[in-house]
Amino acid sequence: MPHATASWLVDNTSLSFEQIADFCGLHILEVQAIADDTAATKLTGRDPVRAHELTQDEIEKGQADPNYRLKIQKGPEQVRRTKGPRYTPVSKRQDKPDGIAWIIRNHPEISDGAIGKLIGTTRTTIAAIRDRTHWNIGNIVPKDPVTLGLCSQRELDALVTKAAKAAGMEAPTDTRLEGDREALLEQLRNERQQAARDAEALANGETAEPAPAFIDPFKR
């Protein structure tokens, strides 16, 4: 539950968005959306300390050093499922066909078996969507499985890279933030620093400075 964990870390720590994104396996803009309450659904935070994934000492190390990368706490070895599709919450199962259709359309190099493991579905369902014989094909709209919450961006990127390599293709490069990444990160850092200064000013009875507006690098 990376999004729920990220929500808790945003609300309860002063870790940077980069640190939270790195620990949760999310894109930094996903963390920004959670912090700005612009995510598709209101998330209930999940405490990674109570889940024995982080210690308070580890969080404090991260808060003291923005360049520090949090290390997940090693718990007892869990019994891992080795066969069958991955588990998907009931609330998201109706989104699977949309995610499958998106992968088939955008990454035809990925095998049905690999799609099944990533999304948690069967080859029969994938084949029906691929040849458009699925019972609900008229209502299936290709949507990014990461956006739907069916997998993480890191899992999808790893699968695309592996499939491209097996097919002798050059793996696609994510250029969405090319040229804007450093400016965006610098702005996010400034916003967090400004928020800290505002909180200190309010505590001292002073007037807080107006926060700078967030600039979306994708809008020109």
C-alpha atoms as a PDB file:
ATOM      1  CA  MET A   1       0.000   0.000   0.000  1.00  0.00           C
ATOM      2  CA  PRO A   2       2.577   2.599  -1.105  1.00  0.00           C
ATOM      3  CA  HIS A   3       0.110   5.474  -1.562  1.00  0.00           C
ATOM      4  CA  ALA A   4      -1.346   5.039   1.931  1.00  0.00           C
ATOM      5  CA  THR A   5       2.179   4.852   3.400  1.00  0.00           C
ATOM      6  CA  ALA A   6       3.200   7.974   1.479  1.00  0.00           C
ATOM      7  CA  SER A   7       0.105   9.782   2.776  1.00  0.00           C
ATOM      8  CA  TRP A   8       1.073   8.972   6.381  1.00  0.00           C
ATOM      9  CA  LEU A   9       4.682  10.093   5.867  1.00  0.00           C
ATOM     10  CA  VAL A  10       3.540  13.376   4.280  1.00  0.00           C
ATOM     11  CA  ASP A  11       1.175  14.105   7.184  1.00  0.00           C
ATOM     12  CA  ASN A  12       3.370  12.954  10.063  1.00  0.00           C
ATOM     13  CA  THR A  13       6.977  13.688   9.105  1.00  0.00           C
ATOM     14  CA  SER A  14       9.067  16.423   7.521  1.00  0.00           C
ATOM     15  CA  LEU A  15      10.722  14.048   5.058  1.00  0.00           C
ATOM     16  CA  SER A  16      11.224  15.448   1.562  1.00  0.00           C
ATOM     17  CA  PHE A  17       8.990  14.342  -1.302  1.00  0.00           C
ATOM     18  CA  GLU A  18      12.052  12.725  -2.889  1.00  0.00           C
ATOM     19  CA  GLN A  19      12.682  10.601   0.207  1.00  0.00           C
ATOM     20  CA  ILE A  20       9.041   9.535   0.461  1.00  0.00           C
ATOM     21  CA  ALA A  21       8.825   8.739  -3.261  1.00  0.00           C
ATOM     22  CA  ASP A  22      12.034   6.697  -3.089  1.00  0.00           C
ATOM     23  CA  PHE A  23      10.909   4.715  -0.044  1.00  0.00           C
ATOM     24  CA  CYS A  24       7.372   4.038  -1.357  1.00  0.00           C
ATOM     25  CA  GLY A  25       8.375   3.319  -4.948  1.00  0.00           C
ATOM     26  CA  LEU A  26       6.283   6.187  -6.310  1.00  0.00           C
ATOM     27  CA  HIS A  27       6.878   9.040  -8.725  1.00  0.00           C
ATOM     28  CA  ILE A  28       7.638  12.326  -6.986  1.00  0.00           C
ATOM     29  CA  LEU A  29       4.595  13.917  -8.656  1.00  0.00           C
ATOM     30  CA  GLU A  30       2.380  11.242  -7.067  1.00  0.00           C
ATOM     31  CA  VAL A  31       3.679  12.316  -3.662  1.00  0.00           C
ATOM     32  CA  GLN A  32       3.089  15.954  -4.608  1.00  0.00           C
ATOM     33  CA  ALA A  33      -0.522  15.083  -5.519  1.00  0.00           C
ATOM     34  CA  ILE A  34      -1.026  13.344  -2.175  1.00  0.00           C
ATOM     35  CA  ALA A  35       0.390  16.349  -0.329  1.00  0.00           C
ATOM     36  CA  ASP A  36      -1.849  18.723  -2.286  1.00  0.00           C
ATOM     37  CA  ASP A  37      -4.938  16.525  -1.764  1.00  0.00           C
ATOM     38  CA  THR A  38      -5.333  16.238  -5.529  1.00  0.00           C
ATOM     39  CA  ALA A  39      -5.171  12.439  -5.575  1.00  0.00           C
ATOM     40  CA  ALA A  40      -8.163  10.665  -7.078  1.00  0.00           C
ATOM     41  CA  THR A  41      -9.358   9.376  -3.709  1.00  0.00           C
ATOM     42  CA  LYS A  42      -8.856  10.467  -0.128  1.00  0.00           C
ATOM     43  CA  LEU A  43      -6.257   8.144   1.321  1.00  0.00           C
ATOM     44  CA  THR A  44      -6.225   6.731   4.817  1.00  0.00           C
ATOM     45  CA  GLY A  45      -2.639   6.873   6.030  1.00  0.00           C
ATOM     46  CA  ARG A  46      -0.795   3.669   6.839  1.00  0.00           C
ATOM     47  CA  ASP A  47       1.797   3.921   9.605  1.00  0.00           C
ATOM     48  CA  PRO A  48       5.012   2.165   8.450  1.00  0.00           C
ATOM     49  CA  VAL A  49       6.343   2.241  12.018  1.00  0.00           C
ATOM     50  CA  ARG A  50       3.441   0.179  13.342  1.00  0.00           C
ATOM     51  CA  ALA A  51       3.800  -2.056  10.291  1.00  0.00           C
ATOM     52  CA  HIS A  52       7.453  -2.646  11.333  1.00  0.00           C
ATOM     53  CA  GLU A  53       8.762  -1.290   8.013  1.00  0.00           C
ATOM     54  CA  LEU A  54      10.465   1.773   9.517  1.00  0.00           C
ATOM     55  CA  THR A  55      11.768   2.750  12.916  1.00  0.00           C
ATOM     56  CA  GLN A  56      11.364   6.210  14.421  1.00  0.00           C
ATOM     57  CA  ASP A  57      15.157   6.488  14.479  1.00  0.00           C
ATOM     58  CA  GLU A  58      15.253   5.877  10.710  1.00  0.00           C
ATOM     59  CA  ILE A  59      12.650   8.587  10.120  1.00  0.00           C
ATOM     60  CA  GLU A  60      14.613  11.032  12.272  1.00  0.00           C
ATOM     61  CA  LYS A  61      17.771  10.296  10.267  1.00  0.00           C
ATOM     62  CA  GLY A  62      15.881  11.147   7.104  1.00  0.00           C
ATOM     63  CA  GLN A  63      14.444  14.333   8.562  1.00  0.00           C
ATOM     64  CA  ALA A  64      17.923  15.464   9.602  1.00  0.00           C
ATOM     65  CA  ASP A  65      19.466  14.816   6.182  1.00  0.00           C
ATOM     66  CA  PRO A  66      17.398  15.424   2.986  1.00  0.00           C
ATOM     67  CA  ASN A  67      19.897  13.328   1.000  1.00  0.00           C
ATOM     68  CA  TYR A  68      19.465  10.299   3.266  1.00  0.00           C
ATOM     69  CA  ARG A  69      17.578   7.362   1.754  1.00  0.00           C
ATOM     70  CA  LEU A  70      15.326   5.485   4.148  1.00  0.00           C
ATOM     71  CA  LYS A  71      16.007   1.790   4.607  1.00  0.00           C
ATOM     72  CA  ILE A  72      13.117  -0.577   5.119  1.00  0.00           C
ATOM     73  CA  GLN A  73      13.331  -2.627   8.291  1.00  0.00           C
ATOM     74  CA  LYS A  74      13.815  -6.326   7.702  1.00  0.00           C
ATOM     75  CA  GLY A  75      11.076  -8.241   9.432  1.00  0.00           C
ATOM     76  CA  PRO A  76      10.629 -11.991   9.757  1.00  0.00           C
ATOM     77  CA  GLU A  77      10.576 -13.877   6.484  1.00  0.00           C
ATOM     78  CA  GLN A  78       7.048 -13.983   5.180  1.00  0.00           C
ATOM     79  CA  VAL A  79       5.432 -16.901   3.413  1.00  0.00           C
ATOM     80  CA  ARG A  80       5.361 -15.841  -0.207  1.00  0.00           C
ATOM     81  CA  ARG A  81       2.814 -16.819  -2.797  1.00  0.00           C
ATOM     82  CA  THR A  82       4.646 -18.519  -5.668  1.00  0.00           C
ATOM     83  CA  LYS A  83       1.772 -19.581  -7.930  1.00  0.00           C
ATOM     84  CA  GLY A  84      -1.341 -17.962  -9.300  1.00  0.00           C
ATOM     85  CA  PRO A  85      -2.159 -14.332 -10.028  1.00  0.00           C
ATOM     86  CA  ARG A  86      -1.392 -11.543  -7.578  1.00  0.00           C
ATOM     87  CA  TYR A  87      -4.149 -10.445  -5.220  1.00  0.00           C
ATOM     88  CA  THR A  88      -6.122  -7.351  -6.213  1.00  0.00           C
ATOM     89  CA  PRO A  89      -8.610  -5.625  -3.840  1.00  0.00           C
ATOM     90  CA  VAL A  90     -12.241  -6.194  -4.779  1.00  0.00           C
ATOM     91  CA  SER A  91     -12.756  -2.447  -5.323  1.00  0.00           C
ATOM     92  CA  LYS A  92     -10.164  -2.435  -8.121  1.00  0.00           C
ATOM     93  CA  ARG A  93     -10.999  -5.684  -9.908  1.00  0.00           C
ATOM     94  CA  GLN A  94     -13.388  -4.012 -12.325  1.00  0.00           C
ATOM     95  CA  ASP A  95     -10.471  -1.835 -13.475  1.00  0.00           C
ATOM     96  CA  LYS A  96      -8.334  -4.773 -14.611  1.00  0.00           C
ATOM     97  CA  PRO A  97      -9.671  -4.958 -18.203  1.00  0.00           C
ATOM     98  CA  ASP A  98      -8.884  -1.253 -18.702  1.00  0.00           C
ATOM     99  CA  GLY A  99      -5.326  -1.751 -17.442  1.00  0.00           C
ATOM    100  CA  ILE A 100      -4.828  -4.851 -19.602  1.00  0.00           C
ATOM    101  CA  ALA A 101      -6.093  -3.011 -22.694  1.00  0.00           C
ATOM    102  CA  TRP A 102      -3.653  -0.156 -22.015  1.00  0.00           C
ATOM    103  CA  ILE A 103      -0.662  -2.489 -21.817  1.00  0.00           C
ATOM    104  CA  ILE A 104      -1.719  -4.384 -24.968  1.00  0.00           C
ATOM    105  CA  ARG A 105      -2.072  -1.113 -26.883  1.00  0.00           C
ATOM    106  CA  ASN A 106       1.070   0.626 -25.623  1.00  0.00           C
ATOM    107  CA  HIS A 107       3.433  -2.298 -25.002  1.00  0.00           C
ATOM    108  CA  PRO A 108       2.646  -5.164 -27.387  1.00  0.00           C
ATOM    109  CA  GLU A 109       6.085  -6.616 -26.657  1.00  0.00           C
ATOM    110  CA  ILE A 110       4.929  -7.720 -23.170  1.00  0.00           C
ATOM    111  CA  SER A 111       3.767 -11.343 -23.105  1.00  0.00           C
ATOM    112  CA  ASP A 112       0.365 -12.438 -21.829  1.00  0.00           C
ATOM    113  CA  GLY A 113       2.043 -14.330 -19.003  1.00  0.00           C
ATOM    114  CA  ALA A 114       3.895 -11.233 -17.838  1.00  0.00           C
ATOM    115  CA  ILE A 115       0.715  -9.127 -18.016  1.00  0.00           C
ATOM    116  CA  GLY A 116      -1.107 -11.751 -15.974  1.00  0.00           C
ATOM    117  CA  LYS A 117       1.483 -11.629 -13.205  1.00  0.00           C
ATOM    118  CA  LEU A 118       1.588  -7.828 -13.161  1.00  0.00           C
ATOM    119  CA  ILE A 119      -2.176  -7.225 -13.140  1.00  0.00           C
ATOM    120  CA  GLY A 120      -3.260 -10.443 -11.438  1.00  0.00           C
ATOM    121  CA  THR A 121      -5.423 -11.970 -14.156  1.00  0.00           C
ATOM    122  CA  THR A 122      -5.623 -14.990 -16.469  1.00  0.00           C
ATOM    123  CA  ARG A 123      -4.358 -15.606 -19.983  1.00  0.00           C
ATOM    124  CA  THR A 124      -7.953 -16.288 -21.062  1.00  0.00           C
ATOM    125  CA  THR A 125      -9.051 -12.798 -20.032  1.00  0.00           C
ATOM    126  CA  ILE A 126      -6.047 -11.184 -21.702  1.00  0.00           C
ATOM    127  CA  ALA A 127      -6.621 -13.132 -24.926  1.00  0.00           C
ATOM    128  CA  ALA A 128     -10.305 -12.126 -24.970  1.00  0.00           C
ATOM    129  CA  ILE A 129      -9.367  -8.449 -24.647  1.00  0.00           C
ATOM    130  CA  ARG A 130      -6.615  -8.794 -27.237  1.00  0.00           C
ATOM    131  CA  ASP A 131      -8.923 -10.310 -29.879  1.00  0.00           C
ATOM    132  CA  ARG A 132     -11.908  -8.193 -28.739  1.00  0.00           C
ATOM    133  CA  THR A 133     -14.152 -11.099 -27.759  1.00  0.00           C
ATOM    134  CA  HIS A 134     -14.384 -10.075 -24.091  1.00  0.00           C
ATOM    135  CA  TRP A 135     -18.012  -9.971 -22.906  1.00  0.00           C
ATOM    136  CA  ASN A 136     -17.661  -6.305 -21.881  1.00  0.00           C
ATOM    137  CA  ILE A 137     -15.376  -5.139 -24.693  1.00  0.00           C
ATOM    138  CA  GLY A 138     -17.673  -2.219 -25.566  1.00  0.00           C
ATOM    139  CA  ASN A 139     -17.082  -0.631 -22.156  1.00  0.00           C
ATOM    140  CA  ILE A 140     -13.348  -1.266 -21.861  1.00  0.00           C
ATOM    141  CA  VAL A 141     -11.286   1.928 -22.058  1.00  0.00           C
ATOM    142  CA  PRO A 142      -7.464   1.604 -22.017  1.00  0.00           C
ATOM    143  CA  LYS A 143      -6.139   3.247 -18.861  1.00  0.00           C
ATOM    144  CA  ASP A 144      -2.676   3.308 -17.299  1.00  0.00           C
ATOM    145  CA  PRO A 145      -2.581   0.478 -14.698  1.00  0.00           C
ATOM    146  CA  VAL A 146      -0.402   2.640 -12.444  1.00  0.00           C
ATOM    147  CA  THR A 147      -3.071   5.349 -12.365  1.00  0.00           C
ATOM    148  CA  LEU A 148      -5.676   2.679 -11.636  1.00  0.00           C
ATOM    149  CA  GLY A 149      -3.616   1.428  -8.686  1.00  0.00           C
ATOM    150  CA  LEU A 150      -3.140  -2.067 -10.153  1.00  0.00           C
ATOM    151  CA  CYS A 151       0.661  -1.885  -9.996  1.00  0.00           C
ATOM    152  CA  SER A 152       3.432   0.578  -9.210  1.00  0.00           C
ATOM    153  CA  GLN A 153       5.320   2.656 -11.775  1.00  0.00           C
ATOM    154  CA  ARG A 154       8.495   0.867 -10.758  1.00  0.00           C
ATOM    155  CA  GLU A 155       6.964  -2.570 -11.475  1.00  0.00           C
ATOM    156  CA  LEU A 156       5.630  -1.471 -14.859  1.00  0.00           C
ATOM    157  CA  ASP A 157       8.916   0.166 -15.892  1.00  0.00           C
ATOM    158  CA  ALA A 158      10.860  -2.958 -14.926  1.00  0.00           C
ATOM    159  CA  LEU A 159       8.505  -5.165 -16.947  1.00  0.00           C
ATOM    160  CA  VAL A 160       8.658  -2.888 -20.016  1.00  0.00           C
ATOM    161  CA  THR A 161      12.467  -2.825 -19.877  1.00  0.00           C
ATOM    162  CA  LYS A 162      12.673  -6.618 -19.520  1.00  0.00           C
ATOM    163  CA  ALA A 163      10.226  -7.243 -22.387  1.00  0.00           C
ATOM    164  CA  ALA A 164      11.994  -4.750 -24.653  1.00  0.00           C
ATOM    165  CA  LYS A 165      15.347  -6.394 -23.971  1.00  0.00           C
ATOM    166  CA  ALA A 166      13.928  -9.858 -24.709  1.00  0.00           C
ATOM    167  CA  ALA A 167      12.452  -8.565 -27.974  1.00  0.00           C
ATOM    168  CA  GLY A 168      15.712  -6.905 -28.990  1.00  0.00           C
ATOM    169  CA  MET A 169      14.166  -3.449 -28.707  1.00  0.00           C
ATOM    170  CA  GLU A 170      15.522  -0.316 -27.084  1.00  0.00           C
ATOM    171  CA  ALA A 171      13.738   0.281 -23.784  1.00  0.00           C
ATOM    172  CA  PRO A 172      11.713   3.516 -23.799  1.00  0.00           C
ATOM    173  CA  THR A 173      13.072   6.408 -21.779  1.00  0.00           C
ATOM    174  CA  ASP A 174      10.818   8.458 -19.535  1.00  0.00           C
ATOM    175  CA  THR A 175      11.345  12.030 -20.708  1.00  0.00           C
ATOM    176  CA  ARG A 176       8.276  13.559 -19.057  1.00  0.00           C
ATOM    177  CA  LEU A 177      10.390  15.676 -16.744  1.00  0.00           C
ATOM    178  CA  GLU A 178      13.330  16.237 -19.076  1.00  0.00           C
ATOM    179  CA  GLY A 179      14.499  19.817 -18.722  1.00  0.00           C
ATOM    180  CA  ASP A 180      12.034  20.482 -15.908  1.00  0.00           C
ATOM    181  CA  ARG A 181      13.027  17.949 -13.278  1.00  0.00           C
ATOM    182  CA  GLU A 182      15.625  20.017 -11.441  1.00  0.00           C
ATOM    183  CA  ALA A 183      13.448  23.135 -11.546  1.00  0.00           C
ATOM    184  CA  LEU A 184      10.499  21.148 -10.161  1.00  0.00           C
ATOM    185  CA  LEU A 185      12.549  19.579  -7.370  1.00  0.00           C
ATOM    186  CA  GLU A 186      14.005  22.966  -6.453  1.00  0.00           C
ATOM    187  CA  GLN A 187      10.519  24.474  -6.291  1.00  0.00           C
ATOM    188  CA  LEU A 188       9.247  21.649  -4.091  1.00  0.00           C
ATOM    189  CA  ARG A 189      12.203  22.137  -1.742  1.00  0.00           C
ATOM    190  CA  ASN A 190      11.533  25.874  -1.584  1.00  0.00           C
ATOM    191  CA  GLU A 191       7.862  25.276  -0.811  1.00  0.00           C
ATOM    192  CA  ARG A 192       8.676  22.953   2.090  1.00  0.00           C
ATOM    193  CA  GLN A 193      11.274  25.410   3.416  1.00  0.00           C
ATOM    194  CA  GLN A 194       8.745  28.245   3.118  1.00  0.00           C
ATOM    195  CA  ALA A 195       6.161  26.176   4.990  1.00  0.00           C
ATOM    196  CA  ALA A 196       8.652  25.617   7.797  1.00  0.00           C
ATOM    197  CA  ARG A 197       9.442  29.354   7.956  1.00  0.00           C
ATOM    198  CA  ASP A 198       5.713  30.197   7.997  1.00  0.00           C
ATOM    199  CA  ALA A 199       5.093  27.787  10.857  1.00  0.00           C
ATOM    200  CA  GLU A 200       7.948  29.341  12.831  1.00  0.00           C
ATOM    201  CA  ALA A 201       6.652  32.854  12.097  1.00  0.00           C
ATOM    202  CA  LEU A 202       3.150  31.975  13.256  1.00  0.00           C
ATOM    203  CA  ALA A 203       4.548  30.435  16.415  1.00  0.00           C
ATOM    204  CA  ASN A 204       6.315  33.750  17.111  1.00  0.00           C
ATOM    205  CA  GLY A 205       3.163  35.768  16.430  1.00  0.00           C
ATOM    206  CA  GLU A 206       4.411  37.082  13.075  1.00  0.00           C
ATOM    207  CA  THR A 207       2.594  37.177   9.750  1.00  0.00           C
ATOM    208  CA  ALA A 208       3.466  34.350   7.397  1.00  0.00           C
ATOM    209  CA  GLU A 209       4.624  35.156   3.884  1.00  0.00           C
ATOM    210  CA  PRO A 210       2.277  34.079   1.075  1.00  0.00           C
ATOM    211  CA  ALA A 211       3.342  30.725  -0.370  1.00  0.00           C
ATOM    212  CA  PRO A 212       4.419  30.746  -4.046  1.00  0.00           C
ATOM    213  CA  ALA A 213       1.970  29.133  -6.436  1.00  0.00           C
ATOM    214  CA  PHE A 214       2.815  25.673  -7.745  1.00  0.00           C
ATOM    215  CA  ILE A 215       3.871  25.786 -11.386  1.00  0.00           C
ATOM    216  CA  ASP A 216       2.959  22.740 -13.443  1.00  0.00           C
ATOM    217  CA  PRO A 217       5.937  22.085 -15.782  1.00  0.00           C
ATOM    218  CA  PHE A 218       3.651  20.299 -18.266  1.00  0.00           C
ATOM    219  CA  LYS A 219       1.519  23.408 -18.896  1.00  0.00           C
ATOM    220  CA  ARG A 220       3.083  25.809 -21.377  1.00  0.00           C
END
